[in-house]
């Protein structure tokens, strides 16, 4: 199963744990497709299994400020973009297409 890693306990992680659909903005697909189940990992700890319910491809300039701020827990668009850029060696340009993954926690039953 594929893994989506997070390096910080963002508010959206708590939202995911409570059953809400959350987003994560990534530069690459890494082979992830709609309906894939993935492990959600925070640092070195597996938190849950989530299902990819939707994937959007948008240029950075076309991603709403509200989504960027919510996704990154930042107060401004500039701070959000700075955080995204901190994860990559090469700066993300406004015309670069990014992937927005929509995740929903899966209920997993062990028998």
N, C-alpha and C. Protein backbone atom coordinates (compact mmCIF):
# COMPACT_ATOMS: atom_id res chain seq x y z
N UNK A 1 0.86 -1.18 0.00
CA UNK A 1 0.00 0.00 0.00
C UNK A 1 0.90 1.24 0.00
N UNK A 2 0.50 2.23 -0.76
CA UNK A 2 1.28 3.48 -0.86
C UNK A 2 1.13 4.29 0.42
N UNK A 3 2.06 5.23 0.62
CA UNK A 3 2.10 6.03 1.83
C UNK A 3 2.11 7.52 1.47
N UNK A 4 1.29 8.32 2.16
CA UNK A 4 1.38 9.77 2.10
C UNK A 4 1.93 10.22 3.44
N UNK A 5 3.07 10.91 3.39
CA UNK A 5 3.75 11.32 4.61
C UNK A 5 3.48 12.78 4.91
N UNK A 6 3.33 13.06 6.19
CA UNK A 6 3.19 14.42 6.69
C UNK A 6 4.30 14.63 7.73
N UNK A 7 4.87 15.82 7.74
CA UNK A 7 5.97 16.09 8.66
C UNK A 7 5.54 16.93 9.85
N UNK A 8 4.28 17.32 9.89
CA UNK A 8 3.77 18.19 10.94
C UNK A 8 2.33 17.80 11.23
N UNK A 9 1.92 17.94 12.47
CA UNK A 9 0.54 17.62 12.84
C UNK A 9 -0.36 18.80 12.49
N UNK A 10 -0.73 18.86 11.22
CA UNK A 10 -1.62 19.91 10.74
C UNK A 10 -3.03 19.68 11.28
N UNK A 11 -3.81 20.74 11.35
CA UNK A 11 -5.20 20.65 11.79
C UNK A 11 -5.96 19.62 10.96
N UNK A 12 -5.63 19.56 9.68
CA UNK A 12 -6.35 18.64 8.79
C UNK A 12 -6.16 17.17 9.19
N UNK A 13 -5.07 16.84 9.86
CA UNK A 13 -4.86 15.47 10.31
C UNK A 13 -5.92 15.10 11.35
N UNK A 14 -6.19 16.02 12.28
CA UNK A 14 -7.27 15.79 13.25
C UNK A 14 -8.62 15.69 12.53
N UNK A 15 -8.81 16.54 11.51
CA UNK A 15 -10.05 16.49 10.73
C UNK A 15 -10.21 15.12 10.06
N UNK A 16 -9.13 14.61 9.50
CA UNK A 16 -9.16 13.29 8.86
C UNK A 16 -9.53 12.22 9.88
N UNK A 17 -8.90 12.27 11.04
CA UNK A 17 -9.17 11.28 12.09
C UNK A 17 -10.63 11.30 12.53
N UNK A 18 -11.27 12.48 12.44
CA UNK A 18 -12.67 12.58 12.85
C UNK A 18 -13.64 12.27 11.71
N UNK A 19 -13.12 11.85 10.56
CA UNK A 19 -13.98 11.40 9.48
C UNK A 19 -14.23 12.40 8.36
N UNK A 20 -13.63 13.59 8.47
CA UNK A 20 -13.82 14.59 7.41
C UNK A 20 -12.90 14.30 6.23
N UNK A 21 -13.29 14.76 5.06
CA UNK A 21 -12.44 14.69 3.89
C UNK A 21 -11.46 15.85 3.96
N UNK A 22 -10.19 15.56 3.73
CA UNK A 22 -9.15 16.60 3.76
C UNK A 22 -8.41 16.64 2.43
N UNK A 23 -7.61 17.69 2.27
CA UNK A 23 -6.78 17.81 1.07
C UNK A 23 -5.31 17.75 1.46
N UNK A 24 -4.50 17.39 0.48
CA UNK A 24 -3.07 17.57 0.57
C UNK A 24 -2.57 17.93 -0.82
N UNK A 25 -1.74 18.94 -0.89
CA UNK A 25 -1.26 19.45 -2.17
C UNK A 25 0.14 18.89 -2.40
N UNK A 26 0.32 18.24 -3.53
CA UNK A 26 1.60 17.60 -3.83
C UNK A 26 2.04 17.93 -5.25
N UNK A 27 3.33 17.84 -5.45
CA UNK A 27 3.91 18.14 -6.76
C UNK A 27 3.79 16.94 -7.70
N UNK A 28 3.83 15.76 -7.16
CA UNK A 28 3.82 14.54 -7.98
C UNK A 28 2.68 13.61 -7.55
N UNK A 29 2.22 12.81 -8.51
CA UNK A 29 1.19 11.81 -8.23
C UNK A 29 1.74 10.60 -7.48
N UNK A 30 2.97 10.24 -7.78
CA UNK A 30 3.63 9.07 -7.17
C UNK A 30 2.80 7.80 -7.35
N UNK A 31 2.13 7.68 -8.49
CA UNK A 31 1.37 6.48 -8.80
C UNK A 31 0.05 6.36 -8.06
N UNK A 32 -0.35 7.38 -7.33
CA UNK A 32 -1.61 7.33 -6.58
C UNK A 32 -2.76 7.69 -7.51
N UNK A 33 -3.85 6.91 -7.39
CA UNK A 33 -5.03 7.12 -8.23
C UNK A 33 -6.28 7.22 -7.36
N UNK A 34 -7.34 7.74 -7.95
CA UNK A 34 -8.64 7.79 -7.26
C UNK A 34 -9.03 6.37 -6.86
N UNK A 35 -9.59 6.24 -5.67
CA UNK A 35 -10.03 4.99 -5.05
C UNK A 35 -8.90 4.16 -4.44
N UNK A 36 -7.65 4.61 -4.57
CA UNK A 36 -6.55 3.92 -3.89
C UNK A 36 -6.71 4.09 -2.38
N UNK A 37 -6.35 3.07 -1.66
CA UNK A 37 -6.23 3.16 -0.21
C UNK A 37 -4.76 3.36 0.11
N UNK A 38 -4.48 4.28 0.99
CA UNK A 38 -3.10 4.63 1.31
C UNK A 38 -2.93 4.72 2.83
N UNK A 39 -1.70 4.51 3.26
CA UNK A 39 -1.36 4.75 4.66
C UNK A 39 -1.09 6.25 4.83
N UNK A 40 -1.58 6.82 5.91
CA UNK A 40 -1.26 8.20 6.27
C UNK A 40 -0.25 8.12 7.40
N UNK A 41 0.89 8.75 7.18
CA UNK A 41 1.99 8.65 8.12
C UNK A 41 2.42 10.04 8.59
N UNK A 42 2.58 10.20 9.89
CA UNK A 42 3.09 11.43 10.48
C UNK A 42 4.46 11.12 11.05
N UNK A 43 5.49 11.75 10.46
CA UNK A 43 6.87 11.43 10.81
C UNK A 43 7.08 9.92 10.69
N UNK A 44 7.33 9.22 11.76
CA UNK A 44 7.57 7.77 11.68
C UNK A 44 6.40 6.94 12.18
N UNK A 45 5.24 7.55 12.32
CA UNK A 45 4.08 6.86 12.89
C UNK A 45 2.93 6.76 11.89
N UNK A 46 2.43 5.55 11.70
CA UNK A 46 1.27 5.35 10.85
C UNK A 46 0.02 5.76 11.64
N UNK A 47 -0.80 6.63 11.05
CA UNK A 47 -1.98 7.15 11.74
C UNK A 47 -3.26 6.41 11.36
N UNK A 48 -3.43 6.16 10.07
CA UNK A 48 -4.66 5.53 9.62
C UNK A 48 -4.51 5.13 8.15
N UNK A 49 -5.55 4.51 7.67
CA UNK A 49 -5.68 4.22 6.24
C UNK A 49 -6.74 5.15 5.69
N UNK A 50 -6.45 5.76 4.56
CA UNK A 50 -7.41 6.67 3.94
C UNK A 50 -7.61 6.27 2.48
N UNK A 51 -8.73 6.68 1.95
CA UNK A 51 -9.06 6.43 0.55
C UNK A 51 -8.94 7.74 -0.21
N UNK A 52 -8.34 7.69 -1.39
CA UNK A 52 -8.27 8.86 -2.27
C UNK A 52 -9.63 8.96 -2.98
N UNK A 53 -10.39 9.98 -2.63
CA UNK A 53 -11.74 10.10 -3.20
C UNK A 53 -11.78 11.03 -4.41
N UNK A 54 -10.75 11.85 -4.57
CA UNK A 54 -10.71 12.78 -5.70
C UNK A 54 -9.28 13.28 -5.87
N UNK A 55 -8.91 13.56 -7.11
CA UNK A 55 -7.62 14.19 -7.40
C UNK A 55 -7.89 15.29 -8.42
N UNK A 56 -7.41 16.49 -8.09
CA UNK A 56 -7.49 17.61 -9.03
C UNK A 56 -6.08 18.02 -9.43
N UNK A 57 -5.94 18.46 -10.66
CA UNK A 57 -4.67 18.98 -11.16
C UNK A 57 -4.91 20.46 -11.48
N UNK A 58 -4.19 21.33 -10.77
CA UNK A 58 -4.38 22.77 -10.97
C UNK A 58 -3.03 23.49 -10.92
N UNK A 59 -2.97 24.57 -11.68
CA UNK A 59 -1.80 25.44 -11.55
C UNK A 59 -1.86 26.11 -10.18
N UNK A 60 -0.70 26.36 -9.60
CA UNK A 60 -0.65 27.01 -8.29
C UNK A 60 -1.48 28.29 -8.28
N UNK A 61 -1.38 29.08 -9.34
CA UNK A 61 -2.11 30.35 -9.37
C UNK A 61 -3.63 30.15 -9.38
N UNK A 62 -4.09 28.95 -9.73
CA UNK A 62 -5.53 28.67 -9.80
C UNK A 62 -6.07 27.99 -8.54
N UNK A 63 -5.20 27.67 -7.60
CA UNK A 63 -5.65 27.08 -6.34
C UNK A 63 -6.10 28.23 -5.44
N UNK A 64 -7.29 28.10 -4.91
CA UNK A 64 -7.84 29.20 -4.11
C UNK A 64 -6.98 29.45 -2.87
N UNK A 65 -6.96 30.71 -2.48
CA UNK A 65 -6.23 31.10 -1.27
C UNK A 65 -6.80 30.38 -0.06
N UNK A 66 -8.11 30.25 0.02
CA UNK A 66 -8.73 29.56 1.15
C UNK A 66 -8.25 28.12 1.26
N UNK A 67 -8.20 27.41 0.12
CA UNK A 67 -7.73 26.02 0.15
C UNK A 67 -6.26 25.97 0.56
N UNK A 68 -5.43 26.84 0.02
CA UNK A 68 -4.01 26.86 0.38
C UNK A 68 -3.82 27.11 1.88
N UNK A 69 -4.55 28.07 2.43
CA UNK A 69 -4.42 28.40 3.85
C UNK A 69 -4.90 27.24 4.73
N UNK A 70 -6.04 26.65 4.37
CA UNK A 70 -6.57 25.52 5.16
C UNK A 70 -5.64 24.33 5.09
N UNK A 71 -5.13 24.06 3.90
CA UNK A 71 -4.27 22.90 3.70
C UNK A 71 -2.95 23.00 4.48
N UNK A 72 -2.46 24.21 4.67
CA UNK A 72 -1.14 24.40 5.27
C UNK A 72 -1.18 24.97 6.69
N UNK A 73 -2.37 25.29 7.19
CA UNK A 73 -2.52 25.94 8.50
C UNK A 73 -1.83 27.30 8.56
N UNK A 74 -1.78 28.00 7.45
CA UNK A 74 -1.14 29.32 7.40
C UNK A 74 -2.21 30.41 7.29
N UNK A 75 -1.81 31.64 7.61
CA UNK A 75 -2.75 32.76 7.63
C UNK A 75 -2.84 33.51 6.30
N UNK A 76 -1.81 33.40 5.45
CA UNK A 76 -1.81 34.11 4.17
C UNK A 76 -1.41 33.16 3.05
N UNK A 77 -1.75 33.56 1.83
CA UNK A 77 -1.36 32.79 0.66
C UNK A 77 0.16 32.71 0.56
N UNK A 78 0.82 33.83 0.82
CA UNK A 78 2.28 33.87 0.73
C UNK A 78 2.92 32.88 1.71
N UNK A 79 2.43 32.84 2.93
CA UNK A 79 2.96 31.89 3.92
C UNK A 79 2.72 30.45 3.48
N UNK A 80 1.54 30.19 2.91
CA UNK A 80 1.20 28.85 2.45
C UNK A 80 2.13 28.41 1.33
N UNK A 81 2.36 29.29 0.37
CA UNK A 81 3.25 28.97 -0.76
C UNK A 81 4.68 28.78 -0.26
N UNK A 82 5.10 29.59 0.71
CA UNK A 82 6.44 29.43 1.28
C UNK A 82 6.59 28.05 1.92
N UNK A 83 5.54 27.62 2.63
CA UNK A 83 5.60 26.29 3.24
C UNK A 83 5.68 25.20 2.17
N UNK A 84 4.85 25.29 1.14
CA UNK A 84 4.92 24.30 0.06
C UNK A 84 6.32 24.26 -0.55
N UNK A 85 6.89 25.43 -0.79
CA UNK A 85 8.23 25.49 -1.37
C UNK A 85 9.30 24.89 -0.46
N UNK A 86 9.07 24.91 0.85
CA UNK A 86 10.06 24.38 1.78
C UNK A 86 10.23 22.86 1.65
N UNK A 87 9.27 22.19 1.02
CA UNK A 87 9.33 20.74 0.86
C UNK A 87 10.08 20.30 -0.39
N UNK A 88 10.44 21.25 -1.25
CA UNK A 88 11.04 20.92 -2.54
C UNK A 88 12.33 21.70 -2.76
N UNK A 89 13.23 21.09 -3.47
CA UNK A 89 14.51 21.72 -3.80
C UNK A 89 14.30 22.90 -4.75
N UNK A 90 13.47 22.69 -5.77
CA UNK A 90 13.20 23.73 -6.76
C UNK A 90 11.88 24.42 -6.44
N UNK A 91 11.89 25.73 -6.52
CA UNK A 91 10.71 26.54 -6.20
C UNK A 91 9.54 26.21 -7.12
N UNK A 92 8.35 26.17 -6.56
CA UNK A 92 7.12 25.96 -7.33
C UNK A 92 6.75 27.30 -7.97
N UNK A 93 6.53 27.29 -9.28
CA UNK A 93 6.14 28.51 -9.97
C UNK A 93 4.61 28.62 -9.99
N UNK A 94 4.11 29.82 -10.19
CA UNK A 94 2.66 30.05 -10.23
C UNK A 94 1.99 29.29 -11.38
N UNK A 95 2.73 29.01 -12.45
CA UNK A 95 2.17 28.28 -13.59
C UNK A 95 2.36 26.77 -13.50
N UNK A 96 3.02 26.31 -12.46
CA UNK A 96 3.25 24.87 -12.31
C UNK A 96 1.97 24.17 -11.87
N UNK A 97 1.71 23.01 -12.48
CA UNK A 97 0.54 22.23 -12.11
C UNK A 97 0.87 21.35 -10.92
N UNK A 98 -0.02 21.40 -9.94
CA UNK A 98 0.11 20.60 -8.73
C UNK A 98 -1.09 19.67 -8.61
N UNK A 99 -0.96 18.67 -7.77
CA UNK A 99 -2.05 17.72 -7.55
C UNK A 99 -2.65 17.96 -6.18
N UNK A 100 -3.96 18.04 -6.13
CA UNK A 100 -4.68 18.17 -4.87
C UNK A 100 -5.37 16.83 -4.63
N UNK A 101 -4.91 16.12 -3.60
CA UNK A 101 -5.51 14.85 -3.22
C UNK A 101 -6.57 15.10 -2.16
N UNK A 102 -7.72 14.48 -2.33
CA UNK A 102 -8.79 14.52 -1.34
C UNK A 102 -8.84 13.14 -0.69
N UNK A 103 -8.66 13.11 0.63
CA UNK A 103 -8.57 11.86 1.37
C UNK A 103 -9.70 11.75 2.38
N UNK A 104 -10.19 10.55 2.56
CA UNK A 104 -11.20 10.27 3.60
C UNK A 104 -10.74 9.01 4.33
N UNK A 105 -10.78 9.08 5.65
CA UNK A 105 -10.35 7.95 6.47
C UNK A 105 -11.25 6.75 6.22
N UNK A 106 -10.61 5.59 6.12
CA UNK A 106 -11.36 4.34 5.96
C UNK A 106 -11.54 3.70 7.31
N UNK A 107 -12.71 3.16 7.53
CA UNK A 107 -12.92 2.34 8.73
C UNK A 107 -12.33 0.98 8.46
N UNK A 108 -11.43 0.56 9.30
CA UNK A 108 -10.78 -0.73 9.12
C UNK A 108 -11.17 -1.63 10.30
N UNK A 109 -11.65 -2.79 9.97
CA UNK A 109 -12.04 -3.76 11.00
C UNK A 109 -11.10 -4.94 10.96
N UNK A 110 -10.59 -5.31 12.11
CA UNK A 110 -9.70 -6.47 12.20
C UNK A 110 -10.47 -7.59 12.84
N UNK A 111 -10.52 -8.72 12.14
CA UNK A 111 -11.29 -9.88 12.65
C UNK A 111 -10.33 -10.96 13.05
